[in-house]
Amino acid sequence: MSGDKDKIRNLLMRVPLFDQLDEQEIAKITAGTTEHHVRRGEAVFHRGEPCNGFHIMVYGQVKLVAVSPAGAEKVMRLLGPGESFGEALMFLGQPYILSAVALADSMLLTVDKSVLLDELDTHPMLARKMLAGLSKRLHSFVSDVKSYSLHSGTQRVIGYLLQAQETAGGPEIRLEVGKNVIASRLNLTPEHFSRILHDLTAKGLIRVEGRNITILDDEGFRVHSD
């Protein structure tokens, strides 16, 4: 196995989707996997291009975006290390319906459709894992629609920050992407997002210093999320 393929194999073995494959099976997946490096601001793919596999993030960050005819951008999903995307369209045989753009220098693995389908035919557990991942993503999408429909802008921002706090493991949060990107992800205008942060700051609930946000009153913060 070449040095590049050996590197890809080692990376794939860390992916939960493939962690139960034996050496021969992981070798087949490795043979059909390519490594891609994308610089910040570059597109991973554009809407309308064919989807011939699915992608796994190794490092960096990517946004999936919908662009209106007028050029307005809506961030649909933010992706970080370990996350995958493109599976549903790959199975449907449809082109990409969104564009993917790197928010930071990123590395991805792309698993070829034909190789994966062959492996799914002989490895039911792999199929179950993929179904579980797709189901989890569908549940997340439904939760997003519910949030946009039933929650105020302030509730959406607080929910996002509480989730970030949980990930950070403490009250100090670092926004890894720009506020405009977060606003779009929460279905808010940048101006509305900034006003909400200002209001929460004025109430003594948070402190904002650039991309660093500290939750000062956790209990009061959660009360405002209801």
C-alpha atoms as a PDB file:
ATOM      1  CA  MET A   1       0.000   0.000   0.000  1.00  0.00           C
ATOM      2  CA  SER A   2       1.406   3.413  -0.961  1.00  0.00           C
ATOM      3  CA  GLY A   3       2.166   6.047   1.659  1.00  0.00           C
ATOM      4  CA  ASP A   4      -0.909   8.100   0.708  1.00  0.00           C
ATOM      5  CA  LYS A   5      -3.229   5.093   0.800  1.00  0.00           C
ATOM      6  CA  ASP A   6      -1.746   3.976   4.109  1.00  0.00           C
ATOM      7  CA  LYS A   7      -2.499   7.423   5.517  1.00  0.00           C
ATOM      8  CA  ILE A   8      -6.083   7.269   4.201  1.00  0.00           C
ATOM      9  CA  ARG A   9      -6.528   3.780   5.655  1.00  0.00           C
ATOM     10  CA  ASN A  10      -5.428   4.975   9.097  1.00  0.00           C
ATOM     11  CA  LEU A  11      -7.831   7.912   8.915  1.00  0.00           C
ATOM     12  CA  LEU A  12     -10.748   5.723   7.818  1.00  0.00           C
ATOM     13  CA  MET A  13     -10.150   3.324  10.689  1.00  0.00           C
ATOM     14  CA  ARG A  14     -10.867   6.203  13.107  1.00  0.00           C
ATOM     15  CA  VAL A  15     -14.243   6.930  11.510  1.00  0.00           C
ATOM     16  CA  PRO A  16     -17.081   5.323  13.552  1.00  0.00           C
ATOM     17  CA  LEU A  17     -18.843   4.320  10.336  1.00  0.00           C
ATOM     18  CA  PHE A  18     -15.976   1.996   9.410  1.00  0.00           C
ATOM     19  CA  ASP A  19     -14.599   0.927  12.787  1.00  0.00           C
ATOM     20  CA  GLN A  20     -16.059  -2.591  12.566  1.00  0.00           C
ATOM     21  CA  LEU A  21     -14.634  -3.455   9.156  1.00  0.00           C
ATOM     22  CA  ASP A  22     -11.870  -6.045   8.955  1.00  0.00           C
ATOM     23  CA  GLU A  23      -8.541  -5.488   7.188  1.00  0.00           C
ATOM     24  CA  GLN A  24      -9.775  -6.722   3.799  1.00  0.00           C
ATOM     25  CA  GLU A  25     -12.936  -4.611   3.955  1.00  0.00           C
ATOM     26  CA  ILE A  26     -11.145  -1.434   5.021  1.00  0.00           C
ATOM     27  CA  ALA A  27      -8.634  -2.031   2.210  1.00  0.00           C
ATOM     28  CA  LYS A  28     -11.496  -2.008  -0.324  1.00  0.00           C
ATOM     29  CA  ILE A  29     -12.874   1.261   1.070  1.00  0.00           C
ATOM     30  CA  THR A  30      -9.369   2.757   1.105  1.00  0.00           C
ATOM     31  CA  ALA A  31      -8.875   1.888  -2.575  1.00  0.00           C
ATOM     32  CA  GLY A  32     -11.976   3.911  -3.432  1.00  0.00           C
ATOM     33  CA  THR A  33     -11.195   6.902  -1.210  1.00  0.00           C
ATOM     34  CA  THR A  34      -9.388  10.081  -2.207  1.00  0.00           C
ATOM     35  CA  GLU A  35      -7.910  12.821  -0.041  1.00  0.00           C
ATOM     36  CA  HIS A  36      -8.760  16.457  -0.743  1.00  0.00           C
ATOM     37  CA  HIS A  37      -7.235  19.612   0.683  1.00  0.00           C
ATOM     38  CA  VAL A  38      -9.281  22.798   0.354  1.00  0.00           C
ATOM     39  CA  ARG A  39      -8.067  26.274   1.217  1.00  0.00           C
ATOM     40  CA  ARG A  40     -10.206  28.704   3.154  1.00  0.00           C
ATOM     41  CA  GLY A  41     -12.757  30.320   0.827  1.00  0.00           C
ATOM     42  CA  GLU A  42     -12.491  27.613  -1.826  1.00  0.00           C
ATOM     43  CA  ALA A  43     -15.457  25.514  -2.912  1.00  0.00           C
ATOM     44  CA  VAL A  44     -15.499  21.803  -2.193  1.00  0.00           C
ATOM     45  CA  PHE A  45     -18.249  21.482  -4.808  1.00  0.00           C
ATOM     46  CA  HIS A  46     -20.945  23.629  -6.406  1.00  0.00           C
ATOM     47  CA  ARG A  47     -24.671  23.135  -6.674  1.00  0.00           C
ATOM     48  CA  GLY A  48     -25.539  21.120  -9.787  1.00  0.00           C
ATOM     49  CA  GLU A  49     -22.297  19.137  -9.934  1.00  0.00           C
ATOM     50  CA  PRO A  50     -22.638  15.329  -9.902  1.00  0.00           C
ATOM     51  CA  CYS A  51     -22.419  13.576  -6.543  1.00  0.00           C
ATOM     52  CA  ASN A  52     -20.349  10.415  -7.038  1.00  0.00           C
ATOM     53  CA  GLY A  53     -19.567   9.703  -3.394  1.00  0.00           C
ATOM     54  CA  PHE A  54     -19.778  11.117   0.082  1.00  0.00           C
ATOM     55  CA  HIS A  55     -17.361  13.197   2.119  1.00  0.00           C
ATOM     56  CA  ILE A  56     -15.843  12.903   5.590  1.00  0.00           C
ATOM     57  CA  MET A  57     -14.253  15.881   7.333  1.00  0.00           C
ATOM     58  CA  VAL A  58     -10.784  15.220   8.772  1.00  0.00           C
ATOM     59  CA  TYR A  59      -9.972  18.752   9.910  1.00  0.00           C
ATOM     60  CA  GLY A  60     -11.124  22.295   9.214  1.00  0.00           C
ATOM     61  CA  GLN A  61     -14.652  23.556   8.728  1.00  0.00           C
ATOM     62  CA  VAL A  62     -17.057  23.640   5.776  1.00  0.00           C
ATOM     63  CA  LYS A  63     -20.401  25.349   5.289  1.00  0.00           C
ATOM     64  CA  LEU A  64     -23.212  23.993   3.125  1.00  0.00           C
ATOM     65  CA  VAL A  65     -25.012  26.920   1.519  1.00  0.00           C
ATOM     66  CA  ALA A  66     -28.004  27.657  -0.683  1.00  0.00           C
ATOM     67  CA  VAL A  67     -27.644  30.703  -2.935  1.00  0.00           C
ATOM     68  CA  SER A  68     -30.633  32.605  -4.285  1.00  0.00           C
ATOM     69  CA  PRO A  69     -30.763  33.888  -7.889  1.00  0.00           C
ATOM     70  CA  ALA A  70     -29.995  37.334  -6.468  1.00  0.00           C
ATOM     71  CA  GLY A  71     -26.855  36.007  -4.802  1.00  0.00           C
ATOM     72  CA  ALA A  72     -28.124  35.922  -1.202  1.00  0.00           C
ATOM     73  CA  GLU A  73     -26.570  33.096   0.795  1.00  0.00           C
ATOM     74  CA  LYS A  74     -28.263  30.889   3.396  1.00  0.00           C
ATOM     75  CA  VAL A  75     -26.053  28.659   5.528  1.00  0.00           C
ATOM     76  CA  MET A  76     -27.802  25.309   5.890  1.00  0.00           C
ATOM     77  CA  ARG A  77     -25.207  23.394   7.870  1.00  0.00           C
ATOM     78  CA  LEU A  78     -21.776  23.826   9.439  1.00  0.00           C
ATOM     79  CA  LEU A  79     -19.453  20.818   9.330  1.00  0.00           C
ATOM     80  CA  GLY A  80     -16.437  20.005  11.469  1.00  0.00           C
ATOM     81  CA  PRO A  81     -13.997  17.107  11.979  1.00  0.00           C
ATOM     82  CA  GLY A  82     -15.583  13.666  11.932  1.00  0.00           C
ATOM     83  CA  GLU A  83     -18.797  14.771  10.229  1.00  0.00           C
ATOM     84  CA  SER A  84     -19.907  13.430   6.864  1.00  0.00           C
ATOM     85  CA  PHE A  85     -22.115  14.775   4.102  1.00  0.00           C
ATOM     86  CA  GLY A  86     -23.424  13.910   0.665  1.00  0.00           C
ATOM     87  CA  GLU A  87     -24.730  10.425   1.513  1.00  0.00           C
ATOM     88  CA  ALA A  88     -28.398  11.059   0.665  1.00  0.00           C
ATOM     89  CA  LEU A  89     -27.704  12.515  -2.790  1.00  0.00           C
ATOM     90  CA  MET A  90     -25.187   9.769  -3.485  1.00  0.00           C
ATOM     91  CA  PHE A  91     -27.853   7.108  -2.852  1.00  0.00           C
ATOM     92  CA  LEU A  92     -30.425   9.020  -4.912  1.00  0.00           C
ATOM     93  CA  GLY A  93     -28.028   9.501  -7.807  1.00  0.00           C
ATOM     94  CA  GLN A  94     -28.795  13.237  -7.807  1.00  0.00           C
ATOM     95  CA  PRO A  95     -26.438  16.195  -8.282  1.00  0.00           C
ATOM     96  CA  TYR A  96     -25.578  18.432  -5.340  1.00  0.00           C
ATOM     97  CA  ILE A  97     -28.466  20.696  -4.328  1.00  0.00           C
ATOM     98  CA  LEU A  98     -26.203  22.914  -2.194  1.00  0.00           C
ATOM     99  CA  SER A  99     -22.697  24.299  -2.508  1.00  0.00           C
ATOM    100  CA  ALA A 100     -19.935  23.533  -0.003  1.00  0.00           C
ATOM    101  CA  VAL A 101     -17.327  26.168   0.865  1.00  0.00           C
ATOM    102  CA  ALA A 102     -14.376  25.875   3.243  1.00  0.00           C
ATOM    103  CA  LEU A 103     -14.422  28.303   6.177  1.00  0.00           C
ATOM    104  CA  ALA A 104     -10.878  27.272   7.101  1.00  0.00           C
ATOM    105  CA  ASP A 105      -8.099  25.282   5.486  1.00  0.00           C
ATOM    106  CA  SER A 106      -9.663  21.825   5.456  1.00  0.00           C
ATOM    107  CA  MET A 107      -8.988  18.201   4.605  1.00  0.00           C
ATOM    108  CA  LEU A 108     -11.700  15.792   3.485  1.00  0.00           C
ATOM    109  CA  LEU A 109     -11.902  12.185   2.422  1.00  0.00           C
ATOM    110  CA  THR A 110     -14.232  11.330  -0.458  1.00  0.00           C
ATOM    111  CA  VAL A 111     -15.460   7.730  -0.587  1.00  0.00           C
ATOM    112  CA  ASP A 112     -16.443   6.582  -4.087  1.00  0.00           C
ATOM    113  CA  LYS A 113     -20.086   5.570  -4.491  1.00  0.00           C
ATOM    114  CA  SER A 114     -19.481   2.276  -6.324  1.00  0.00           C
ATOM    115  CA  VAL A 115     -16.975   1.039  -3.736  1.00  0.00           C
ATOM    116  CA  LEU A 116     -19.281   1.888  -0.855  1.00  0.00           C
ATOM    117  CA  LEU A 117     -22.337   0.272  -2.467  1.00  0.00           C
ATOM    118  CA  ASP A 118     -20.382  -2.946  -3.012  1.00  0.00           C
ATOM    119  CA  GLU A 119     -19.403  -2.984   0.656  1.00  0.00           C
ATOM    120  CA  LEU A 120     -22.953  -2.285   1.818  1.00  0.00           C
ATOM    121  CA  ASP A 121     -24.122  -5.417  -0.027  1.00  0.00           C
ATOM    122  CA  THR A 122     -21.915  -7.599   2.164  1.00  0.00           C
ATOM    123  CA  HIS A 123     -21.820  -5.700   5.453  1.00  0.00           C
ATOM    124  CA  PRO A 124     -25.274  -5.094   7.007  1.00  0.00           C
ATOM    125  CA  MET A 125     -23.818  -3.334  10.059  1.00  0.00           C
ATOM    126  CA  LEU A 126     -22.312  -0.702   7.794  1.00  0.00           C
ATOM    127  CA  ALA A 127     -25.750  -0.098   6.265  1.00  0.00           C
ATOM    128  CA  ARG A 128     -27.285   0.215   9.729  1.00  0.00           C
ATOM    129  CA  LYS A 129     -24.695   2.784  10.749  1.00  0.00           C
ATOM    130  CA  MET A 130     -25.330   4.840   7.621  1.00  0.00           C
ATOM    131  CA  LEU A 131     -29.083   4.700   8.237  1.00  0.00           C
ATOM    132  CA  ALA A 132     -28.548   5.818  11.828  1.00  0.00           C
ATOM    133  CA  GLY A 133     -26.441   8.761  10.674  1.00  0.00           C
ATOM    134  CA  LEU A 134     -28.970   9.824   8.050  1.00  0.00           C
ATOM    135  CA  SER A 135     -31.823   9.477  10.571  1.00  0.00           C
ATOM    136  CA  LYS A 136     -29.957  11.627  13.090  1.00  0.00           C
ATOM    137  CA  ARG A 137     -29.441  14.289  10.434  1.00  0.00           C
ATOM    138  CA  LEU A 138     -33.129  14.204   9.483  1.00  0.00           C
ATOM    139  CA  HIS A 139     -34.067  14.646  13.137  1.00  0.00           C
ATOM    140  CA  SER A 140     -31.713  17.621  13.339  1.00  0.00           C
ATOM    141  CA  PHE A 141     -33.293  19.141  10.224  1.00  0.00           C
ATOM    142  CA  VAL A 142     -36.801  18.752  11.673  1.00  0.00           C
ATOM    143  CA  SER A 143     -35.590  20.367  14.911  1.00  0.00           C
ATOM    144  CA  ASP A 144     -34.205  23.288  12.890  1.00  0.00           C
ATOM    145  CA  VAL A 145     -37.523  23.807  11.099  1.00  0.00           C
ATOM    146  CA  LYS A 146     -39.348  23.661  14.432  1.00  0.00           C
ATOM    147  CA  SER A 147     -36.945  26.201  15.919  1.00  0.00           C
ATOM    148  CA  TYR A 148     -37.346  28.633  13.012  1.00  0.00           C
ATOM    149  CA  SER A 149     -41.139  28.280  13.149  1.00  0.00           C
ATOM    150  CA  LEU A 150     -41.795  28.352  16.897  1.00  0.00           C
ATOM    151  CA  HIS A 151     -38.841  30.050  18.573  1.00  0.00           C
ATOM    152  CA  SER A 152     -37.980  33.726  18.644  1.00  0.00           C
ATOM    153  CA  GLY A 153     -34.646  35.009  17.400  1.00  0.00           C
ATOM    154  CA  THR A 154     -33.447  35.403  20.982  1.00  0.00           C
ATOM    155  CA  GLN A 155     -34.373  31.811  21.806  1.00  0.00           C
ATOM    156  CA  ARG A 156     -32.485  30.580  18.737  1.00  0.00           C
ATOM    157  CA  VAL A 157     -29.345  32.498  19.690  1.00  0.00           C
ATOM    158  CA  ILE A 158     -29.503  31.315  23.305  1.00  0.00           C
ATOM    159  CA  GLY A 159     -30.008  27.729  22.126  1.00  0.00           C
ATOM    160  CA  TYR A 160     -26.967  28.003  19.861  1.00  0.00           C
ATOM    161  CA  LEU A 161     -24.812  29.442  22.652  1.00  0.00           C
ATOM    162  CA  LEU A 162     -25.968  26.812  25.156  1.00  0.00           C
ATOM    163  CA  GLN A 163     -25.000  24.095  22.675  1.00  0.00           C
ATOM    164  CA  ALA A 164     -21.622  25.775  22.171  1.00  0.00           C
ATOM    165  CA  GLN A 165     -21.199  25.985  25.953  1.00  0.00           C
ATOM    166  CA  GLU A 166     -21.834  22.262  26.256  1.00  0.00           C
ATOM    167  CA  THR A 167     -19.213  21.562  23.603  1.00  0.00           C
ATOM    168  CA  ALA A 168     -16.725  23.941  25.252  1.00  0.00           C
ATOM    169  CA  GLY A 169     -17.323  22.418  28.673  1.00  0.00           C
ATOM    170  CA  GLY A 170     -17.572  25.795  30.400  1.00  0.00           C
ATOM    171  CA  PRO A 171     -19.066  29.294  30.250  1.00  0.00           C
ATOM    172  CA  GLU A 172     -16.403  30.682  27.889  1.00  0.00           C
ATOM    173  CA  ILE A 173     -17.292  30.177  24.221  1.00  0.00           C
ATOM    174  CA  ARG A 174     -15.162  30.847  21.169  1.00  0.00           C
ATOM    175  CA  LEU A 175     -17.100  31.462  17.957  1.00  0.00           C
ATOM    176  CA  GLU A 176     -15.061  29.572  15.374  1.00  0.00           C
ATOM    177  CA  VAL A 177     -16.902  31.171  12.448  1.00  0.00           C
ATOM    178  CA  GLY A 178     -17.953  34.734  11.714  1.00  0.00           C
ATOM    179  CA  LYS A 179     -21.127  36.186  13.192  1.00  0.00           C
ATOM    180  CA  ASN A 180     -22.618  36.578   9.707  1.00  0.00           C
ATOM    181  CA  VAL A 181     -22.285  32.827   9.164  1.00  0.00           C
ATOM    182  CA  ILE A 182     -23.905  32.038  12.515  1.00  0.00           C
ATOM    183  CA  ALA A 183     -26.709  34.501  11.831  1.00  0.00           C
ATOM    184  CA  SER A 184     -27.451  32.826   8.502  1.00  0.00           C
ATOM    185  CA  ARG A 185     -27.377  29.389  10.144  1.00  0.00           C
ATOM    186  CA  LEU A 186     -29.979  30.617  12.686  1.00  0.00           C
ATOM    187  CA  ASN A 187     -32.135  32.172   9.951  1.00  0.00           C
ATOM    188  CA  LEU A 188     -31.436  35.700  11.197  1.00  0.00           C
ATOM    189  CA  THR A 189     -30.045  38.796   9.547  1.00  0.00           C
ATOM    190  CA  PRO A 190     -26.602  39.856  10.803  1.00  0.00           C
ATOM    191  CA  GLU A 191     -28.162  43.040  12.204  1.00  0.00           C
ATOM    192  CA  HIS A 192     -30.792  41.091  14.154  1.00  0.00           C
ATOM    193  CA  PHE A 193     -28.138  38.712  15.496  1.00  0.00           C
ATOM    194  CA  SER A 194     -26.004  41.655  16.683  1.00  0.00           C
ATOM    195  CA  ARG A 195     -29.002  43.305  18.371  1.00  0.00           C
ATOM    196  CA  ILE A 196     -29.767  40.100  20.261  1.00  0.00           C
ATOM    197  CA  LEU A 197     -26.182  39.832  21.497  1.00  0.00           C
ATOM    198  CA  HIS A 198     -26.331  43.491  22.540  1.00  0.00           C
ATOM    199  CA  ASP A 199     -29.600  42.947  24.435  1.00  0.00           C
ATOM    200  CA  LEU A 200     -28.262  39.868  26.216  1.00  0.00           C
ATOM    201  CA  THR A 201     -25.144  41.847  27.154  1.00  0.00           C
ATOM    202  CA  ALA A 202     -27.236  44.763  28.466  1.00  0.00           C
ATOM    203  CA  LYS A 203     -29.155  42.318  30.695  1.00  0.00           C
ATOM    204  CA  GLY A 204     -25.903  41.081  32.202  1.00  0.00           C
ATOM    205  CA  LEU A 205     -26.353  37.567  30.822  1.00  0.00           C
ATOM    206  CA  ILE A 206     -23.288  37.451  28.583  1.00  0.00           C
ATOM    207  CA  ARG A 207     -20.063  39.312  27.862  1.00  0.00           C
ATOM    208  CA  VAL A 208     -18.930  39.655  24.257  1.00  0.00           C
ATOM    209  CA  GLU A 209     -15.293  40.324  23.329  1.00  0.00           C
ATOM    210  CA  GLY A 210     -14.863  39.856  19.596  1.00  0.00           C
ATOM    211  CA  ARG A 211     -15.482  36.165  18.925  1.00  0.00           C
ATOM    212  CA  ASN A 212     -15.255  35.292  22.611  1.00  0.00           C
ATOM    213  CA  ILE A 213     -18.538  35.084  24.521  1.00  0.00           C
ATOM    214  CA  THR A 214     -18.825  34.356  28.237  1.00  0.00           C
ATOM    215  CA  ILE A 215     -22.132  33.302  29.798  1.00  0.00           C
ATOM    216  CA  LEU A 216     -22.270  35.274  33.056  1.00  0.00           C
ATOM    217  CA  ASP A 217     -25.620  34.088  34.438  1.00  0.00           C
ATOM    218  CA  ASP A 218     -26.265  30.513  33.406  1.00  0.00           C
ATOM    219  CA  GLU A 219     -29.580  30.190  35.267  1.00  0.00           C
ATOM    220  CA  GLY A 220     -30.947  33.502  33.948  1.00  0.00           C
ATOM    221  CA  PHE A 221     -29.691  32.620  30.490  1.00  0.00           C
ATOM    222  CA  ARG A 222     -31.653  29.366  30.484  1.00  0.00           C
ATOM    223  CA  VAL A 223     -34.784  31.125  31.738  1.00  0.00           C
ATOM    224  CA  HIS A 224     -34.657  33.414  28.703  1.00  0.00           C
ATOM    225  CA  SER A 225     -34.423  30.381  26.408  1.00  0.00           C
ATOM    226  CA  ASP A 226     -37.983  29.258  27.286  1.00  0.00           C
END
